[in-house]
């Protein structure tokens, strides 16, 4: 495929589409909001949740049902989702569950700084941290491989600079996803529609 100039958020969304994610869910908050907006624009199955805990629980349900699921939130959102995060660490999953935590060093658009690498230590879950858009794209595939091999959720830690900076990405293109629940099956089961764009200033 042709190389593209993408932000880190857009690279994650494109990788999720190419990796056959059946569902992307989350709660809007800068710098993570654009991931689901881009995933939806690319034709992925994306929906907003009323809060981060609900988003993770929805994604966890999809992963229990053998689908690949992506859940996105900003750093403080992981505090809200901590209960199902810790639980999922010992229940495990069947399909890949990737939890994107978008940290905001320097508080560009947040009320505090928080290093969510501590959550990886506390939960015992692996965390992968890209440093540019190409790594954001590639590392999502790596996260899927780890999640499905060990049947556990994987944390993908982004930062504001990685989320919003643009760099060249060489996509690998769509890959086969044998034995996984499709986005069409998830949509048929839920009967709901994609959420509208997040409110301005989120």
Protein backbone atom coordinates (compact mmCIF):
# COMPACT_ATOMS: atom_id res chain seq x y z
CA UNK A 1 0.00 0.00 0.00
CA UNK A 2 1.03 3.62 -0.54
CA UNK A 3 2.66 5.48 2.31
CA UNK A 4 0.45 7.94 4.19
CA UNK A 5 0.99 10.97 6.41
CA UNK A 6 -0.94 10.12 9.60
CA UNK A 7 -1.22 11.22 13.19
CA UNK A 8 -0.67 8.56 15.82
CA UNK A 9 -4.41 8.43 16.46
CA UNK A 10 -5.14 7.94 12.76
CA UNK A 11 -2.44 5.25 12.55
CA UNK A 12 -4.05 3.28 15.40
CA UNK A 13 -7.44 3.56 13.70
CA UNK A 14 -6.06 2.35 10.36
CA UNK A 15 -4.25 -0.54 12.04
CA UNK A 16 -7.46 -1.53 13.85
CA UNK A 17 -9.29 -1.61 10.53
CA UNK A 18 -6.53 -3.62 8.83
CA UNK A 19 -6.29 -6.03 11.78
CA UNK A 20 -9.99 -6.82 11.54
CA UNK A 21 -11.24 -5.28 14.77
CA UNK A 22 -14.96 -5.95 15.09
CA UNK A 23 -15.56 -3.12 17.55
CA UNK A 24 -14.02 0.13 18.70
CA UNK A 25 -15.52 1.78 21.75
CA UNK A 26 -14.46 4.41 24.24
CA UNK A 27 -15.17 7.70 25.95
CA UNK A 28 -14.06 10.93 24.25
CA UNK A 29 -11.18 12.85 25.77
CA UNK A 30 -8.16 14.53 24.23
CA UNK A 31 -5.74 13.16 23.09
CA UNK A 32 -7.61 9.89 22.39
CA UNK A 33 -10.84 11.15 20.78
CA UNK A 34 -9.64 11.09 17.17
CA UNK A 35 -8.92 7.34 17.24
CA UNK A 36 -12.58 6.33 17.21
CA UNK A 37 -13.56 9.22 14.95
CA UNK A 38 -10.99 8.05 12.40
CA UNK A 39 -11.97 4.38 12.85
CA UNK A 40 -15.61 5.28 12.15
CA UNK A 41 -14.65 7.41 9.13
CA UNK A 42 -12.68 4.47 7.71
CA UNK A 43 -15.75 2.25 7.97
CA UNK A 44 -15.01 0.53 11.27
CA UNK A 45 -17.68 -0.27 13.84
CA UNK A 46 -17.23 2.51 16.43
CA UNK A 47 -19.40 3.69 19.31
CA UNK A 48 -19.10 6.03 22.27
CA UNK A 49 -19.96 4.86 25.76
CA UNK A 50 -21.41 6.91 28.66
CA UNK A 51 -18.10 6.53 30.53
CA UNK A 52 -14.79 4.66 30.38
CA UNK A 53 -15.92 1.81 32.65
CA UNK A 54 -18.87 1.02 30.39
CA UNK A 55 -16.64 1.28 27.32
CA UNK A 56 -14.21 -1.28 28.71
CA UNK A 57 -17.02 -3.59 29.77
CA UNK A 58 -18.55 -3.45 26.27
CA UNK A 59 -15.18 -4.19 24.67
CA UNK A 60 -14.55 -6.97 27.21
CA UNK A 61 -17.86 -8.58 26.28
CA UNK A 62 -16.91 -8.52 22.60
CA UNK A 63 -13.50 -10.04 23.40
CA UNK A 64 -15.18 -12.77 25.50
CA UNK A 65 -17.23 -13.58 22.38
CA UNK A 66 -14.05 -14.10 20.29
CA UNK A 67 -14.04 -10.69 18.57
CA UNK A 68 -11.15 -8.28 18.38
CA UNK A 69 -12.06 -5.17 20.38
CA UNK A 70 -10.40 -1.79 20.87
CA UNK A 71 -11.23 0.57 23.74
CA UNK A 72 -9.90 4.12 23.91
CA UNK A 73 -9.69 6.74 26.65
CA UNK A 74 -7.42 9.45 28.00
CA UNK A 75 -5.15 8.80 30.97
CA UNK A 76 -7.56 9.77 33.77
CA UNK A 77 -10.24 7.65 32.12
CA UNK A 78 -8.34 4.52 33.09
CA UNK A 79 -9.07 5.40 36.72
CA UNK A 80 -12.78 5.17 35.91
CA UNK A 81 -12.24 1.86 34.08
CA UNK A 82 -9.92 0.37 36.72
CA UNK A 83 -12.46 -2.11 38.12
CA UNK A 84 -13.06 -4.08 34.88
CA UNK A 85 -9.39 -3.63 33.91
CA UNK A 86 -8.14 -5.45 37.00
CA UNK A 87 -10.86 -8.09 36.63
CA UNK A 88 -10.01 -8.73 32.98
CA UNK A 89 -6.39 -9.34 33.96
CA UNK A 90 -7.38 -12.60 35.64
CA UNK A 91 -10.51 -13.60 33.67
CA UNK A 92 -8.61 -13.33 30.39
CA UNK A 93 -10.19 -12.93 26.93
CA UNK A 94 -10.78 -15.04 23.82
CA UNK A 95 -10.37 -12.40 21.13
CA UNK A 96 -7.83 -9.60 21.31
CA UNK A 97 -8.66 -6.76 23.72
CA UNK A 98 -6.50 -3.67 23.30
CA UNK A 99 -6.92 -0.84 25.81
CA UNK A 100 -5.57 2.46 24.48
CA UNK A 101 -4.62 4.87 27.26
CA UNK A 102 -3.68 8.29 25.93
CA UNK A 103 -1.51 9.98 28.55
CA UNK A 104 -1.05 13.74 28.58
CA UNK A 105 2.41 14.71 29.88
CA UNK A 106 2.56 18.47 30.43
CA UNK A 107 -1.24 18.68 30.82
CA UNK A 108 -1.94 20.06 27.34
CA UNK A 109 -5.66 19.40 27.81
CA UNK A 110 -6.01 17.73 31.19
CA UNK A 111 -6.44 18.55 34.86
CA UNK A 112 -3.43 16.53 35.95
CA UNK A 113 -0.50 14.42 34.80
CA UNK A 114 -0.65 10.67 35.29
CA UNK A 115 1.71 7.92 34.19
CA UNK A 116 -0.45 4.92 33.32
CA UNK A 117 2.57 2.66 33.01
CA UNK A 118 1.87 2.09 36.70
CA UNK A 119 -1.36 0.34 35.73
CA UNK A 120 0.61 -2.20 33.72
CA UNK A 121 2.68 -2.97 36.80
CA UNK A 122 -0.35 -3.10 39.12
CA UNK A 123 -2.46 -5.34 36.86
CA UNK A 124 0.38 -7.50 35.56
CA UNK A 125 -0.71 -6.75 31.99
CA UNK A 126 1.71 -6.07 29.14
CA UNK A 127 1.98 -2.51 27.88
CA UNK A 128 3.32 -1.40 24.51
CA UNK A 129 4.36 2.20 23.91
CA UNK A 130 4.88 3.61 20.39
CA UNK A 131 7.05 6.67 19.76
CA UNK A 132 5.67 7.73 16.35
CA UNK A 133 2.86 7.02 13.91
CA UNK A 134 4.58 4.09 12.19
CA UNK A 135 5.13 2.40 15.54
CA UNK A 136 1.54 3.20 16.55
CA UNK A 137 0.41 1.31 13.44
CA UNK A 138 2.83 -1.60 13.80
CA UNK A 139 2.56 -1.95 17.56
CA UNK A 140 -1.21 -2.42 17.40
CA UNK A 141 -0.58 -5.59 15.38
CA UNK A 142 2.00 -6.65 17.98
CA UNK A 143 -0.50 -5.99 20.76
CA UNK A 144 -3.07 -8.19 19.00
CA UNK A 145 -0.55 -11.00 18.69
CA UNK A 146 0.33 -10.84 22.40
CA UNK A 147 -3.31 -10.55 23.49
CA UNK A 148 -4.48 -13.54 21.46
CA UNK A 149 -1.45 -15.71 22.22
CA UNK A 150 -1.72 -15.24 25.99
CA UNK A 151 -5.49 -14.51 26.10
CA UNK A 152 -5.09 -11.32 28.11
CA UNK A 153 -5.81 -7.64 27.48
CA UNK A 154 -2.89 -5.48 26.35
CA UNK A 155 -2.41 -1.80 27.17
CA UNK A 156 -1.29 0.49 24.34
CA UNK A 157 0.09 3.68 25.90
CA UNK A 158 0.00 6.75 23.69
CA UNK A 159 1.01 10.30 24.64
CA UNK A 160 -0.26 13.65 23.39
CA UNK A 161 2.75 14.18 21.12
CA UNK A 162 2.43 10.73 19.54
CA UNK A 163 -1.36 11.03 19.20
CA UNK A 164 -1.32 14.41 17.46
CA UNK A 165 2.03 14.52 15.62
CA UNK A 166 2.01 13.35 12.01
CA UNK A 167 4.62 11.18 10.35
CA UNK A 168 4.90 8.81 7.40
CA UNK A 169 3.23 5.39 7.78
CA UNK A 170 3.72 2.46 5.43
CA UNK A 171 0.60 0.31 6.03
CA UNK A 172 0.73 -3.44 5.49
CA UNK A 173 -2.94 -3.56 4.40
CA UNK A 174 -5.81 -5.74 5.63
CA UNK A 175 -4.85 -9.13 7.06
CA UNK A 176 -7.01 -12.27 7.30
CA UNK A 177 -8.71 -12.77 10.66
CA UNK A 178 -9.60 -16.48 10.77
CA UNK A 179 -12.05 -17.68 13.40
CA UNK A 180 -12.91 -14.22 14.76
CA UNK A 181 -16.30 -12.56 15.08
CA UNK A 182 -16.76 -9.86 12.42
CA UNK A 183 -17.92 -6.26 12.76
CA UNK A 184 -21.09 -7.17 10.85
CA UNK A 185 -21.92 -9.84 13.43
CA UNK A 186 -21.35 -7.39 16.28
CA UNK A 187 -23.59 -4.81 14.62
CA UNK A 188 -26.32 -7.38 13.97
CA UNK A 189 -26.20 -8.52 17.60
CA UNK A 190 -26.32 -5.00 19.04
CA UNK A 191 -28.77 -3.43 16.61
CA UNK A 192 -27.38 0.04 17.39
CA UNK A 193 -25.78 2.66 15.21
CA UNK A 194 -22.47 4.47 15.29
CA UNK A 195 -22.25 7.38 17.66
CA UNK A 196 -22.00 10.95 16.37
CA UNK A 197 -18.72 12.84 16.65
CA UNK A 198 -17.66 13.81 20.15
CA UNK A 199 -18.71 17.24 21.41
CA UNK A 200 -16.31 20.09 20.64
CA UNK A 201 -13.69 20.67 23.31
CA UNK A 202 -13.67 17.08 24.60
